[in-house]
Amino acid sequence: MKIDPKSRAVTSFFMVAAVIVMLALAWSVARDNSAATDPAKPAETRTLNGE
């Protein structure tokens, strides 16, 4: 199946944008949950806001 160049460019743009959004979300989750995954704290003392 042939895709015209304009559709291909739009598709590529949205694929790249989706990858950037997923990477930003993964980075945000990893940054926010760094305290929750700290092995130095026992599981019972971990809180959602990192206190």
PDB file of N, CA and C in Angstrom:
ATOM      1  N   MET A   1       0.845  -1.192   0.000  1.00  0.00           N
ATOM      2  CA  MET A   1       0.000   0.000   0.000  1.00  0.00           C
ATOM      3  C   MET A   1       0.886   1.250   0.000  1.00  0.00           C
ATOM      4  N   LYS A   2       0.609   2.110  -0.939  1.00  0.00           N
ATOM      5  CA  LYS A   2       1.377   3.355  -1.036  1.00  0.00           C
ATOM      6  C   LYS A   2       0.729   4.442  -0.188  1.00  0.00           C
ATOM      7  N   ILE A   3       1.580   5.203   0.502  1.00  0.00           N
ATOM      8  CA  ILE A   3       1.104   6.336   1.299  1.00  0.00           C
ATOM      9  C   ILE A   3       1.672   7.605   0.672  1.00  0.00           C
ATOM     10  N   ASP A   4       0.823   8.582   0.446  1.00  0.00           N
ATOM     11  CA  ASP A   4       1.333   9.811  -0.160  1.00  0.00           C
ATOM     12  C   ASP A   4       2.252  10.537   0.827  1.00  0.00           C
ATOM     13  N   PRO A   5       3.190  11.325   0.297  1.00  0.00           N
ATOM     14  CA  PRO A   5       4.216  11.944   1.161  1.00  0.00           C
ATOM     15  C   PRO A   5       3.650  12.827   2.265  1.00  0.00           C
ATOM     16  N   LYS A   6       2.548  13.532   1.992  1.00  0.00           N
ATOM     17  CA  LYS A   6       1.997  14.414   3.018  1.00  0.00           C
ATOM     18  C   LYS A   6       1.478  13.594   4.202  1.00  0.00           C
ATOM     19  N   SER A   7       0.752  12.527   3.929  1.00  0.00           N
ATOM     20  CA  SER A   7       0.259  11.670   5.012  1.00  0.00           C
ATOM     21  C   SER A   7       1.415  11.036   5.768  1.00  0.00           C
ATOM     22  N   ARG A   8       2.442  10.669   5.039  1.00  0.00           N
ATOM     23  CA  ARG A   8       3.608  10.052   5.679  1.00  0.00           C
ATOM     24  C   ARG A   8       4.288  11.042   6.621  1.00  0.00           C
ATOM     25  N   ALA A   9       4.393  12.292   6.206  1.00  0.00           N
ATOM     26  CA  ALA A   9       5.018  13.306   7.056  1.00  0.00           C
ATOM     27  C   ALA A   9       4.181  13.566   8.308  1.00  0.00           C
ATOM     28  N   VAL A  10       2.869  13.633   8.143  1.00  0.00           N
ATOM     29  CA  VAL A  10       1.992  13.865   9.290  1.00  0.00           C
ATOM     30  C   VAL A  10       2.070  12.688  10.253  1.00  0.00           C
ATOM     31  N   THR A  11       2.053  11.473   9.707  1.00  0.00           N
ATOM     32  CA  THR A  11       2.153  10.277  10.546  1.00  0.00           C
ATOM     33  C   THR A  11       3.473  10.256  11.296  1.00  0.00           C
ATOM     34  N   SER A  12       4.563  10.574  10.612  1.00  0.00           N
ATOM     35  CA  SER A  12       5.871  10.594  11.264  1.00  0.00           C
ATOM     36  C   SER A  12       5.909  11.631  12.377  1.00  0.00           C
ATOM     37  N   PHE A  13       5.330  12.788  12.125  1.00  0.00           N
ATOM     38  CA  PHE A  13       5.307  13.835  13.147  1.00  0.00           C
ATOM     39  C   PHE A  13       4.581  13.358  14.393  1.00  0.00           C
ATOM     40  N   PHE A  14       3.402  12.752  14.198  1.00  0.00           N
ATOM     41  CA  PHE A  14       2.640  12.303  15.361  1.00  0.00           C
ATOM     42  C   PHE A  14       3.312  11.136  16.070  1.00  0.00           C
ATOM     43  N   MET A  15       4.015  10.273  15.328  1.00  0.00           N
ATOM     44  CA  MET A  15       4.737   9.176  15.978  1.00  0.00           C
ATOM     45  C   MET A  15       5.876   9.721  16.833  1.00  0.00           C
ATOM     46  N   VAL A  16       6.604  10.690  16.313  1.00  0.00           N
ATOM     47  CA  VAL A  16       7.689  11.305  17.079  1.00  0.00           C
ATOM     48  C   VAL A  16       7.120  12.043  18.289  1.00  0.00           C
ATOM     49  N   ALA A  17       6.022  12.753  18.102  1.00  0.00           N
ATOM     50  CA  ALA A  17       5.390  13.461  19.219  1.00  0.00           C
ATOM     51  C   ALA A  17       4.930  12.480  20.294  1.00  0.00           C
ATOM     52  N   ALA A  18       4.385  11.335  19.886  1.00  0.00           N
ATOM     53  CA  ALA A  18       3.930  10.335  20.854  1.00  0.00           C
ATOM     54  C   ALA A  18       5.102   9.772  21.645  1.00  0.00           C
ATOM     55  N   VAL A  19       6.229   9.533  20.976  1.00  0.00           N
ATOM     56  CA  VAL A  19       7.416   9.025  21.672  1.00  0.00           C
ATOM     57  C   VAL A  19       7.912  10.052  22.682  1.00  0.00           C
ATOM     58  N   ILE A  20       7.928  11.326  22.298  1.00  0.00           N
ATOM     59  CA  ILE A  20       8.379  12.382  23.210  1.00  0.00           C
ATOM     60  C   ILE A  20       7.456  12.461  24.427  1.00  0.00           C
ATOM     61  N   VAL A  21       6.150  12.375  24.197  1.00  0.00           N
ATOM     62  CA  VAL A  21       5.195  12.423  25.310  1.00  0.00           C
ATOM     63  C   VAL A  21       5.401  11.235  26.240  1.00  0.00           C
ATOM     64  N   MET A  22       5.603  10.041  25.671  1.00  0.00           N
ATOM     65  CA  MET A  22       5.807   8.852  26.517  1.00  0.00           C
ATOM     66  C   MET A  22       7.095   8.956  27.320  1.00  0.00           C
ATOM     67  N   LEU A  23       8.154   9.462  26.697  1.00  0.00           N
ATOM     68  CA  LEU A  23       9.414   9.627  27.426  1.00  0.00           C
ATOM     69  C   LEU A  23       9.267  10.651  28.546  1.00  0.00           C
ATOM     70  N   ALA A  24       8.574  11.750  28.268  1.00  0.00           N
ATOM     71  CA  ALA A  24       8.369  12.766  29.302  1.00  0.00           C
ATOM     72  C   ALA A  24       7.541  12.210  30.456  1.00  0.00           C
ATOM     73  N   LEU A  25       6.524  11.424  30.132  1.00  0.00           N
ATOM     74  CA  LEU A  25       5.693  10.834  31.182  1.00  0.00           C
ATOM     75  C   LEU A  25       6.494   9.837  32.010  1.00  0.00           C
ATOM     76  N   ALA A  26       7.288   9.014  31.338  1.00  0.00           N
ATOM     77  CA  ALA A  26       8.108   8.035  32.064  1.00  0.00           C
ATOM     78  C   ALA A  26       9.129   8.740  32.955  1.00  0.00           C
ATOM     79  N   TRP A  27       9.731   9.828  32.447  1.00  0.00           N
ATOM     80  CA  TRP A  27      10.696  10.574  33.251  1.00  0.00           C
ATOM     81  C   TRP A  27      10.013  11.195  34.463  1.00  0.00           C
ATOM     82  N   SER A  28       8.817  11.737  34.252  1.00  0.00           N
ATOM     83  CA  SER A  28       8.081  12.360  35.349  1.00  0.00           C
ATOM     84  C   SER A  28       7.713  11.339  36.416  1.00  0.00           C
ATOM     85  N   VAL A  29       7.244  10.173  35.993  1.00  0.00           N
ATOM     86  CA  VAL A  29       6.873   9.134  36.951  1.00  0.00           C
ATOM     87  C   VAL A  29       8.107   8.654  37.705  1.00  0.00           C
ATOM     88  N   ALA A  30       9.208   8.457  37.008  1.00  0.00           N
ATOM     89  CA  ALA A  30      10.432   7.989  37.661  1.00  0.00           C
ATOM     90  C   ALA A  30      10.946   9.033  38.655  1.00  0.00           C
ATOM     91  N   ARG A  31      10.843  10.306  38.293  1.00  0.00           N
ATOM     92  CA  ARG A  31      11.308  11.372  39.184  1.00  0.00           C
ATOM     93  C   ARG A  31      10.409  11.481  40.406  1.00  0.00           C
ATOM     94  N   ASP A  32       9.094  11.401  40.206  1.00  0.00           N
ATOM     95  CA  ASP A  32       8.151  11.546  41.317  1.00  0.00           C
ATOM     96  C   ASP A  32       8.197  10.365  42.271  1.00  0.00           C
ATOM     97  N   ASN A  33       8.502   9.179  41.766  1.00  0.00           N
ATOM     98  CA  ASN A  33       8.457   7.977  42.586  1.00  0.00           C
ATOM     99  C   ASN A  33       9.833   7.542  43.077  1.00  0.00           C
ATOM    100  N   SER A  34      10.836   8.407  42.987  1.00  0.00           N
ATOM    101  CA  SER A  34      12.176   8.007  43.413  1.00  0.00           C
ATOM    102  C   SER A  34      12.202   7.670  44.903  1.00  0.00           C
ATOM    103  N   ALA A  35      11.432   8.375  45.729  1.00  0.00           N
ATOM    104  CA  ALA A  35      11.399   8.081  47.158  1.00  0.00           C
ATOM    105  C   ALA A  35      10.645   6.782  47.424  1.00  0.00           C
ATOM    106  N   ALA A  36       9.634   6.498  46.625  1.00  0.00           N
ATOM    107  CA  ALA A  36       8.830   5.298  46.846  1.00  0.00           C
ATOM    108  C   ALA A  36       9.602   4.033  46.496  1.00  0.00           C
ATOM    109  N   THR A  37      10.627   4.157  45.651  1.00  0.00           N
ATOM    110  CA  THR A  37      11.385   2.975  45.257  1.00  0.00           C
ATOM    111  C   THR A  37      12.740   2.928  45.952  1.00  0.00           C
ATOM    112  N   ASP A  38      12.927   3.769  46.969  1.00  0.00           N
ATOM    113  CA  ASP A  38      14.192   3.783  47.700  1.00  0.00           C
ATOM    114  C   ASP A  38      14.309   2.522  48.556  1.00  0.00           C
ATOM    115  N   PRO A  39      15.296   1.662  48.303  1.00  0.00           N
ATOM    116  CA  PRO A  39      15.387   0.415  49.063  1.00  0.00           C
ATOM    117  C   PRO A  39      15.827   0.612  50.509  1.00  0.00           C
ATOM    118  N   ALA A  40      16.310   1.810  50.850  1.00  0.00           N
ATOM    119  CA  ALA A  40      16.769   2.045  52.213  1.00  0.00           C
ATOM    120  C   ALA A  40      15.597   2.167  53.191  1.00  0.00           C
ATOM    121  N   LYS A  41      14.416   2.498  52.695  1.00  0.00           N
ATOM    122  CA  LYS A  41      13.248   2.648  53.568  1.00  0.00           C
ATOM    123  C   LYS A  41      12.446   1.348  53.583  1.00  0.00           C
ATOM    124  N   PRO A  42      11.961   0.944  54.739  1.00  0.00           N
ATOM    125  CA  PRO A  42      11.033  -0.196  54.778  1.00  0.00           C
ATOM    126  C   PRO A  42       9.740   0.139  54.047  1.00  0.00           C
ATOM    127  N   ALA A  43       9.078  -0.863  53.524  1.00  0.00           N
ATOM    128  CA  ALA A  43       7.876  -0.636  52.719  1.00  0.00           C
ATOM    129  C   ALA A  43       6.771   0.045  53.518  1.00  0.00           C
ATOM    130  N   GLU A  44       6.688  -0.227  54.822  1.00  0.00           N
ATOM    131  CA  GLU A  44       5.597   0.331  55.614  1.00  0.00           C
ATOM    132  C   GLU A  44       5.723   1.843  55.789  1.00  0.00           C
ATOM    133  N   THR A  45       6.933   2.391  55.690  1.00  0.00           N
ATOM    134  CA  THR A  45       7.118   3.818  55.944  1.00  0.00           C
ATOM    135  C   THR A  45       7.082   4.648  54.670  1.00  0.00           C
ATOM    136  N   ARG A  46       6.955   4.030  53.526  1.00  0.00           N
ATOM    137  CA  ARG A  46       6.917   4.784  52.280  1.00  0.00           C
ATOM    138  C   ARG A  46       5.577   5.485  52.136  1.00  0.00           C
ATOM    139  N   THR A  47       5.632   6.725  51.617  1.00  0.00           N
ATOM    140  CA  THR A  47       4.402   7.478  51.389  1.00  0.00           C
ATOM    141  C   THR A  47       4.372   7.934  49.952  1.00  0.00           C
ATOM    142  N   LEU A  48       3.210   8.365  49.490  1.00  0.00           N
ATOM    143  CA  LEU A  48       3.073   8.775  48.104  1.00  0.00           C
ATOM    144  C   LEU A  48       3.807  10.076  47.814  1.00  0.00           C
ATOM    145  N   ASN A  49       3.913  10.976  48.789  1.00  0.00           N
ATOM    146  CA  ASN A  49       4.559  12.253  48.533  1.00  0.00           C
ATOM    147  C   ASN A  49       6.028  12.262  48.950  1.00  0.00           C
ATOM    148  N   GLY A  50       6.587  11.145  49.326  1.00  0.00           N
ATOM    149  CA  GLY A  50       8.016  11.043  49.583  1.00  0.00           C
ATOM    150  C   GLY A  50       8.456  11.511  50.948  1.00  0.00           C
ATOM    151  N   GLU A  51       7.545  11.753  51.866  1.00  0.00           N
ATOM    152  CA  GLU A  51       7.936  12.212  53.203  1.00  0.00           C
ATOM    153  C   GLU A  51       8.254  11.043  54.104  1.00  0.00           C
TER     154      GLU A  51
END
